[in-house]
Amino acid sequence: MRVVAVAVLFASLVPGAAWAAPSASTALLRLDDVLVEEVARLLGDAQTQSNRTPAVRSGDEAPAPTTTAVNLAPAGAAATPQGRQFGVGLAVGYPIALTIKYMLKPDQGIAAGLGALSGFVYNHSSVTVFVDYVYHPHLLTAGEAFALTWYLGGGGQVIINDRFSTPWVPGIQYSGFGYGSVWFAARVPLGLNLALAQAPIEVFLEAVPGILVFPVLSFGVGGSIGVRFYL
């Protein structure tokens, strides 16, 4: 078929070609412009088909590159195990404390504790009470057994020391510090919270920088790891 089409096209384009057929047959081979265009189109389609590749056809646009943005999901109810509100537990570090947590919203709550030691005195015993507002902005990762969120917050702390304890700051000595045994501090907890899915238990790890505001200005860092059981 392709050979016949080529022959017909050649006959139409070369009027001076010699043909053995009589003049009546030659008249039948004269092609009008429409037929010439149709034959040329058929030949062009055949050539395109032979050069076609499975992945991308001639004339197709290449797929645009795609980018993936990392968007963290809101923590929501994943901030506590099984979406519960009230938990009690124990934290070990600075301070060592009994701790409670009550969720005001699925991702916001109040954490408090009563214990010993603080992030401001490392060489004397002390009693400390703290209350923090905590917010869980994002869910970091989750599986069938757990959900991991991060949190930050702000709060206050009352520290009761023996009268001659001195606050600890690298490179600063408070010699003769004896202003009193009750101190007040502001604190900023920052941590990770692992809530279990099959049990009402959470495990947390936090660092707590703070500023002592009374009786003198000073800086300290506390930190603890703990566990809470939710009722």
C-alpha atoms as a PDB file:
ATOM      1  CA  MET A   1       0.000   0.000   0.000  1.00  0.00           C
ATOM      2  CA  ARG A   2       2.799   2.345   0.905  1.00  0.00           C
ATOM      3  CA  VAL A   3       4.613   1.618  -2.401  1.00  0.00           C
ATOM      4  CA  VAL A   4       1.481   2.365  -4.420  1.00  0.00           C
ATOM      5  CA  ALA A   5       0.985   5.644  -2.589  1.00  0.00           C
ATOM      6  CA  VAL A   6       4.562   6.667  -3.323  1.00  0.00           C
ATOM      7  CA  ALA A   7       4.152   5.813  -6.974  1.00  0.00           C
ATOM      8  CA  VAL A   8       0.960   7.799  -7.268  1.00  0.00           C
ATOM      9  CA  LEU A   9       2.536  10.778  -5.532  1.00  0.00           C
ATOM     10  CA  PHE A  10       5.567  10.609  -7.814  1.00  0.00           C
ATOM     11  CA  ALA A  11       3.335  10.531 -10.834  1.00  0.00           C
ATOM     12  CA  SER A  12       1.549  13.657  -9.743  1.00  0.00           C
ATOM     13  CA  LEU A  13       4.702  15.589  -8.916  1.00  0.00           C
ATOM     14  CA  VAL A  14       6.732  14.701 -12.025  1.00  0.00           C
ATOM     15  CA  PRO A  15       4.607  15.542 -15.059  1.00  0.00           C
ATOM     16  CA  GLY A  16       7.374  14.779 -17.519  1.00  0.00           C
ATOM     17  CA  ALA A  17       7.843  11.186 -16.492  1.00  0.00           C
ATOM     18  CA  ALA A  18       7.462   8.622 -19.280  1.00  0.00           C
ATOM     19  CA  TRP A  19       4.628   6.132 -19.005  1.00  0.00           C
ATOM     20  CA  ALA A  20       4.040   3.200 -21.233  1.00  0.00           C
ATOM     21  CA  ALA A  21       0.279   3.396 -20.801  1.00  0.00           C
ATOM     22  CA  PRO A  22      -1.830   5.264 -23.367  1.00  0.00           C
ATOM     23  CA  SER A  23      -2.843   8.866 -22.873  1.00  0.00           C
ATOM     24  CA  ALA A  24      -6.239   7.850 -21.445  1.00  0.00           C
ATOM     25  CA  SER A  25      -4.501   5.955 -18.602  1.00  0.00           C
ATOM     26  CA  THR A  26      -2.170   8.875 -17.978  1.00  0.00           C
ATOM     27  CA  ALA A  27      -5.142  11.141 -17.489  1.00  0.00           C
ATOM     28  CA  LEU A  28      -6.443   8.811 -14.813  1.00  0.00           C
ATOM     29  CA  LEU A  29      -3.169   9.185 -12.860  1.00  0.00           C
ATOM     30  CA  ARG A  30      -3.388  12.943 -12.664  1.00  0.00           C
ATOM     31  CA  LEU A  31      -4.088  13.818  -9.076  1.00  0.00           C
ATOM     32  CA  ASP A  32      -5.702  16.894  -7.725  1.00  0.00           C
ATOM     33  CA  ASP A  33      -4.277  18.840  -4.785  1.00  0.00           C
ATOM     34  CA  VAL A  34      -6.564  17.192  -2.226  1.00  0.00           C
ATOM     35  CA  LEU A  35      -5.354  13.690  -3.071  1.00  0.00           C
ATOM     36  CA  VAL A  36      -1.712  14.788  -2.930  1.00  0.00           C
ATOM     37  CA  GLU A  37      -2.218  16.220   0.560  1.00  0.00           C
ATOM     38  CA  GLU A  38      -3.964  13.028   1.711  1.00  0.00           C
ATOM     39  CA  VAL A  39      -1.127  10.810   0.496  1.00  0.00           C
ATOM     40  CA  ALA A  40       1.440  13.085   2.161  1.00  0.00           C
ATOM     41  CA  ARG A  41      -0.508  12.889   5.403  1.00  0.00           C
ATOM     42  CA  LEU A  42      -0.589   9.074   5.287  1.00  0.00           C
ATOM     43  CA  LEU A  43       3.168   8.943   4.721  1.00  0.00           C
ATOM     44  CA  GLY A  44       3.783  11.375   7.574  1.00  0.00           C
ATOM     45  CA  ASP A  45       1.606   9.329   9.964  1.00  0.00           C
ATOM     46  CA  ALA A  46       3.490   6.161   9.065  1.00  0.00           C
ATOM     47  CA  GLN A  47       6.843   7.839   9.733  1.00  0.00           C
ATOM     48  CA  THR A  48       5.612   9.163  13.086  1.00  0.00           C
ATOM     49  CA  GLN A  49       4.365   5.707  14.079  1.00  0.00           C
ATOM     50  CA  SER A  50       7.760   4.129  13.365  1.00  0.00           C
ATOM     51  CA  ASN A  51       9.599   6.702  15.521  1.00  0.00           C
ATOM     52  CA  ARG A  52       7.204   6.547  18.437  1.00  0.00           C
ATOM     53  CA  THR A  53       8.618   5.477  21.809  1.00  0.00           C
ATOM     54  CA  PRO A  54       6.535   3.786  24.554  1.00  0.00           C
ATOM     55  CA  ALA A  55       7.358   6.390  27.214  1.00  0.00           C
ATOM     56  CA  VAL A  56       6.895   9.758  25.483  1.00  0.00           C
ATOM     57  CA  ARG A  57       5.298  10.441  22.088  1.00  0.00           C
ATOM     58  CA  SER A  58       6.577  13.112  19.702  1.00  0.00           C
ATOM     59  CA  GLY A  59       5.039  16.452  20.577  1.00  0.00           C
ATOM     60  CA  ASP A  60       4.085  15.451  24.139  1.00  0.00           C
ATOM     61  CA  GLU A  61       5.275  17.675  26.944  1.00  0.00           C
ATOM     62  CA  ALA A  62       7.600  16.150  29.507  1.00  0.00           C
ATOM     63  CA  PRO A  63       5.949  15.733  32.921  1.00  0.00           C
ATOM     64  CA  ALA A  64       6.636  18.624  35.231  1.00  0.00           C
ATOM     65  CA  PRO A  65       8.919  17.851  38.195  1.00  0.00           C
ATOM     66  CA  THR A  66       7.123  17.375  41.446  1.00  0.00           C
ATOM     67  CA  THR A  67       8.191  18.512  44.886  1.00  0.00           C
ATOM     68  CA  THR A  68       7.044  17.172  48.230  1.00  0.00           C
ATOM     69  CA  ALA A  69       6.533  19.547  51.134  1.00  0.00           C
ATOM     70  CA  VAL A  70       6.897  18.292  54.686  1.00  0.00           C
ATOM     71  CA  ASN A  71       3.833  19.366  56.592  1.00  0.00           C
ATOM     72  CA  LEU A  72       3.429  18.214  60.172  1.00  0.00           C
ATOM     73  CA  ALA A  73      -0.087  17.344  61.234  1.00  0.00           C
ATOM     74  CA  PRO A  74      -1.616  19.053  64.274  1.00  0.00           C
ATOM     75  CA  ALA A  75      -1.183  17.034  67.453  1.00  0.00           C
ATOM     76  CA  GLY A  76      -4.864  17.097  68.411  1.00  0.00           C
ATOM     77  CA  ALA A  77      -6.000  14.226  70.612  1.00  0.00           C
ATOM     78  CA  ALA A  78      -2.674  12.409  69.966  1.00  0.00           C
ATOM     79  CA  ALA A  79      -1.108  14.637  72.648  1.00  0.00           C
ATOM     80  CA  THR A  80      -2.335  12.223  75.348  1.00  0.00           C
ATOM     81  CA  PRO A  81      -2.827   8.441  75.405  1.00  0.00           C
ATOM     82  CA  GLN A  82      -6.252   7.449  74.081  1.00  0.00           C
ATOM     83  CA  GLY A  83      -7.270  11.120  74.114  1.00  0.00           C
ATOM     84  CA  ARG A  84      -7.662  11.150  77.914  1.00  0.00           C
ATOM     85  CA  GLN A  85      -7.545  14.300  80.054  1.00  0.00           C
ATOM     86  CA  PHE A  86      -5.940  13.658  83.442  1.00  0.00           C
ATOM     87  CA  GLY A  87      -2.684  11.889  84.217  1.00  0.00           C
ATOM     88  CA  VAL A  88      -0.459  11.338  87.261  1.00  0.00           C
ATOM     89  CA  GLY A  89       3.109  10.114  87.363  1.00  0.00           C
ATOM     90  CA  LEU A  90       6.748  10.545  88.326  1.00  0.00           C
ATOM     91  CA  ALA A  91       9.605  12.565  86.810  1.00  0.00           C
ATOM     92  CA  VAL A  92      13.296  11.903  87.501  1.00  0.00           C
ATOM     93  CA  GLY A  93      16.049  14.481  87.034  1.00  0.00           C
ATOM     94  CA  TYR A  94      15.994  18.151  88.024  1.00  0.00           C
ATOM     95  CA  PRO A  95      13.566  18.060  89.675  1.00  0.00           C
ATOM     96  CA  ILE A  96      12.620  14.616  90.975  1.00  0.00           C
ATOM     97  CA  ALA A  97       8.892  15.115  91.358  1.00  0.00           C
ATOM     98  CA  LEU A  98       5.426  13.733  91.502  1.00  0.00           C
ATOM     99  CA  THR A  99       3.705  15.192  88.473  1.00  0.00           C
ATOM    100  CA  ILE A 100       0.175  15.676  87.197  1.00  0.00           C
ATOM    101  CA  LYS A 101      -1.193  16.878  83.886  1.00  0.00           C
ATOM    102  CA  TYR A 102      -4.675  18.055  82.976  1.00  0.00           C
ATOM    103  CA  MET A 103      -5.626  18.726  79.364  1.00  0.00           C
ATOM    104  CA  LEU A 104      -7.725  21.861  78.868  1.00  0.00           C
ATOM    105  CA  LYS A 105      -8.021  21.130  75.119  1.00  0.00           C
ATOM    106  CA  PRO A 106      -6.844  18.162  73.043  1.00  0.00           C
ATOM    107  CA  ASP A 107      -3.471  19.862  72.437  1.00  0.00           C
ATOM    108  CA  GLN A 108      -3.175  22.198  75.469  1.00  0.00           C
ATOM    109  CA  GLY A 109      -2.914  21.520  79.162  1.00  0.00           C
ATOM    110  CA  ILE A 110      -1.551  22.315  82.607  1.00  0.00           C
ATOM    111  CA  ALA A 111       1.357  20.316  84.047  1.00  0.00           C
ATOM    112  CA  ALA A 112       2.403  20.622  87.684  1.00  0.00           C
ATOM    113  CA  GLY A 113       4.755  18.926  90.082  1.00  0.00           C
ATOM    114  CA  LEU A 114       6.032  18.708  93.654  1.00  0.00           C
ATOM    115  CA  GLY A 115       9.485  17.369  94.337  1.00  0.00           C
ATOM    116  CA  ALA A 116      13.111  17.827  95.294  1.00  0.00           C
ATOM    117  CA  LEU A 117      16.044  19.514  93.563  1.00  0.00           C
ATOM    118  CA  SER A 118      15.781  22.212  90.931  1.00  0.00           C
ATOM    119  CA  GLY A 119      17.622  23.603  87.942  1.00  0.00           C
ATOM    120  CA  PHE A 120      19.189  26.371  90.041  1.00  0.00           C
ATOM    121  CA  VAL A 121      20.877  24.572  92.950  1.00  0.00           C
ATOM    122  CA  TYR A 122      22.994  21.460  92.433  1.00  0.00           C
ATOM    123  CA  ASN A 123      24.944  21.220  95.672  1.00  0.00           C
ATOM    124  CA  HIS A 124      22.107  21.495  98.208  1.00  0.00           C
ATOM    125  CA  SER A 125      18.790  19.813  98.734  1.00  0.00           C
ATOM    126  CA  SER A 126      15.680  21.817  97.974  1.00  0.00           C
ATOM    127  CA  VAL A 127      11.942  21.473  97.658  1.00  0.00           C
ATOM    128  CA  THR A 128      10.305  22.737  94.498  1.00  0.00           C
ATOM    129  CA  VAL A 129       6.774  23.318  93.240  1.00  0.00           C
ATOM    130  CA  PHE A 130       6.091  24.187  89.601  1.00  0.00           C
ATOM    131  CA  VAL A 131       3.108  24.825  87.356  1.00  0.00           C
ATOM    132  CA  ASP A 132       3.397  25.037  83.543  1.00  0.00           C
ATOM    133  CA  TYR A 133       1.081  25.698  80.642  1.00  0.00           C
ATOM    134  CA  VAL A 134       2.046  23.324  77.803  1.00  0.00           C
ATOM    135  CA  TYR A 135       1.069  23.284  74.142  1.00  0.00           C
ATOM    136  CA  HIS A 136       1.535  20.377  71.713  1.00  0.00           C
ATOM    137  CA  PRO A 137       1.671  21.994  68.228  1.00  0.00           C
ATOM    138  CA  HIS A 138       2.422  19.016  65.984  1.00  0.00           C
ATOM    139  CA  LEU A 139       2.338  15.271  65.646  1.00  0.00           C
ATOM    140  CA  LEU A 140       5.865  14.159  64.722  1.00  0.00           C
ATOM    141  CA  THR A 141       5.114  10.519  63.935  1.00  0.00           C
ATOM    142  CA  ALA A 142       2.521   7.885  64.754  1.00  0.00           C
ATOM    143  CA  GLY A 143       1.998   4.147  64.456  1.00  0.00           C
ATOM    144  CA  GLU A 144      -0.481   1.549  65.574  1.00  0.00           C
ATOM    145  CA  ALA A 145       1.094   1.461  69.039  1.00  0.00           C
ATOM    146  CA  PHE A 146       2.078   5.076  69.734  1.00  0.00           C
ATOM    147  CA  ALA A 147       1.977   8.766  68.801  1.00  0.00           C
ATOM    148  CA  LEU A 148       4.947  11.116  69.248  1.00  0.00           C
ATOM    149  CA  THR A 149       4.345  14.855  69.693  1.00  0.00           C
ATOM    150  CA  TRP A 150       6.513  17.752  70.804  1.00  0.00           C
ATOM    151  CA  TYR A 151       5.538  20.486  73.207  1.00  0.00           C
ATOM    152  CA  LEU A 152       6.623  23.790  74.655  1.00  0.00           C
ATOM    153  CA  GLY A 153       5.258  25.996  77.364  1.00  0.00           C
ATOM    154  CA  GLY A 154       5.826  28.486  80.109  1.00  0.00           C
ATOM    155  CA  GLY A 155       5.330  28.510  83.836  1.00  0.00           C
ATOM    156  CA  GLY A 156       6.549  29.372  87.287  1.00  0.00           C
ATOM    157  CA  GLN A 157       8.465  27.662  90.041  1.00  0.00           C
ATOM    158  CA  VAL A 158       8.844  28.130  93.789  1.00  0.00           C
ATOM    159  CA  ILE A 159      12.028  26.736  95.352  1.00  0.00           C
ATOM    160  CA  ILE A 160      12.619  26.301  99.082  1.00  0.00           C
ATOM    161  CA  ASN A 161      16.293  25.884 100.043  1.00  0.00           C
ATOM    162  CA  ASP A 162      18.384  26.015 103.149  1.00  0.00           C
ATOM    163  CA  ARG A 163      19.215  29.625 103.887  1.00  0.00           C
ATOM    164  CA  PHE A 164      22.783  29.622 102.593  1.00  0.00           C
ATOM    165  CA  SER A 165      22.267  27.897  99.244  1.00  0.00           C
ATOM    166  CA  THR A 166      23.659  29.777  96.257  1.00  0.00           C
ATOM    167  CA  PRO A 167      22.242  29.762  92.724  1.00  0.00           C
ATOM    168  CA  TRP A 168      24.354  28.059  90.084  1.00  0.00           C
ATOM    169  CA  VAL A 169      25.479  29.849  86.944  1.00  0.00           C
ATOM    170  CA  PRO A 170      28.623  28.870  84.981  1.00  0.00           C
ATOM    171  CA  GLY A 171      31.390  31.358  85.765  1.00  0.00           C
ATOM    172  CA  ILE A 172      29.417  33.337  88.365  1.00  0.00           C
ATOM    173  CA  GLN A 173      29.901  32.922  92.103  1.00  0.00           C
ATOM    174  CA  TYR A 174      27.353  34.295  94.542  1.00  0.00           C
ATOM    175  CA  SER A 175      29.650  34.414  97.577  1.00  0.00           C
ATOM    176  CA  GLY A 176      27.899  34.934 100.888  1.00  0.00           C
ATOM    177  CA  PHE A 177      24.484  34.459  99.319  1.00  0.00           C
ATOM    178  CA  GLY A 178      22.053  34.569 102.244  1.00  0.00           C
ATOM    179  CA  TYR A 179      19.029  36.542 101.165  1.00  0.00           C
ATOM    180  CA  GLY A 180      16.510  33.901 102.127  1.00  0.00           C
ATOM    181  CA  SER A 181      15.302  30.385 101.582  1.00  0.00           C
ATOM    182  CA  VAL A 182      12.355  30.986  99.219  1.00  0.00           C
ATOM    183  CA  TRP A 183      13.131  31.635  95.568  1.00  0.00           C
ATOM    184  CA  PHE A 184      10.885  32.369  92.583  1.00  0.00           C
ATOM    185  CA  ALA A 185      11.687  31.470  89.003  1.00  0.00           C
ATOM    186  CA  ALA A 186      10.171  31.461  85.524  1.00  0.00           C
ATOM    187  CA  ARG A 187      10.616  28.319  83.415  1.00  0.00           C
ATOM    188  CA  VAL A 188      10.160  27.294  79.777  1.00  0.00           C
ATOM    189  CA  PRO A 189       9.664  23.541  79.305  1.00  0.00           C
ATOM    190  CA  LEU A 190      10.463  22.050  75.905  1.00  0.00           C
ATOM    191  CA  GLY A 191      10.043  18.344  75.318  1.00  0.00           C
ATOM    192  CA  LEU A 192       8.872  15.206  73.538  1.00  0.00           C
ATOM    193  CA  ASN A 193       5.789  13.231  74.519  1.00  0.00           C
ATOM    194  CA  LEU A 194       5.186   9.582  73.595  1.00  0.00           C
ATOM    195  CA  ALA A 195       1.551   8.497  74.076  1.00  0.00           C
ATOM    196  CA  LEU A 196       0.768   4.773  73.900  1.00  0.00           C
ATOM    197  CA  ALA A 197      -2.278   3.641  71.952  1.00  0.00           C
ATOM    198  CA  GLN A 198      -2.980   0.356  73.738  1.00  0.00           C
ATOM    199  CA  ALA A 199      -2.534   1.644  77.301  1.00  0.00           C
ATOM    200  CA  PRO A 200      -3.315   4.964  79.060  1.00  0.00           C
ATOM    201  CA  ILE A 201       0.385   5.745  79.540  1.00  0.00           C
ATOM    202  CA  GLU A 202       2.671   8.498  78.270  1.00  0.00           C
ATOM    203  CA  VAL A 203       6.445   8.872  78.491  1.00  0.00           C
ATOM    204  CA  PHE A 204       8.019  12.322  78.280  1.00  0.00           C
ATOM    205  CA  LEU A 205      11.483  13.829  78.041  1.00  0.00           C
ATOM    206  CA  GLU A 206      11.985  17.536  78.605  1.00  0.00           C
ATOM    207  CA  ALA A 207      14.578  20.255  79.064  1.00  0.00           C
ATOM    208  CA  VAL A 208      13.619  23.268  81.162  1.00  0.00           C
ATOM    209  CA  PRO A 209      15.681  26.462  80.957  1.00  0.00           C
ATOM    210  CA  GLY A 210      14.668  29.001  83.573  1.00  0.00           C
ATOM    211  CA  ILE A 211      15.345  32.417  85.037  1.00  0.00           C
ATOM    212  CA  LEU A 212      15.526  32.993  88.770  1.00  0.00           C
ATOM    213  CA  VAL A 213      13.798  36.322  89.428  1.00  0.00           C
ATOM    214  CA  PHE A 214      13.955  36.484  93.250  1.00  0.00           C
ATOM    215  CA  PRO A 215      15.919  37.144  95.367  1.00  0.00           C
ATOM    216  CA  VAL A 216      18.494  37.730  92.589  1.00  0.00           C
ATOM    217  CA  LEU A 217      18.546  37.330  88.837  1.00  0.00           C
ATOM    218  CA  SER A 218      20.153  34.086  87.744  1.00  0.00           C
ATOM    219  CA  PHE A 219      19.893  31.429  85.084  1.00  0.00           C
ATOM    220  CA  GLY A 220      19.491  27.688  85.407  1.00  0.00           C
ATOM    221  CA  VAL A 221      18.652  24.591  83.382  1.00  0.00           C
ATOM    222  CA  GLY A 222      16.645  21.641  84.562  1.00  0.00           C
ATOM    223  CA  GLY A 223      15.565  18.507  82.779  1.00  0.00           C
ATOM    224  CA  SER A 224      13.778  15.261  83.456  1.00  0.00           C
ATOM    225  CA  ILE A 225      12.349  12.071  82.043  1.00  0.00           C
ATOM    226  CA  GLY A 226       9.065  10.765  83.336  1.00  0.00           C
ATOM    227  CA  VAL A 227       5.955   8.689  82.896  1.00  0.00           C
ATOM    228  CA  ARG A 228       2.275   9.380  83.570  1.00  0.00           C
ATOM    229  CA  PHE A 229      -0.734   7.102  83.872  1.00  0.00           C
ATOM    230  CA  TYR A 230      -4.029   8.560  82.638  1.00  0.00           C
ATOM    231  CA  LEU A 231      -7.280   7.956  84.462  1.00  0.00           C
END
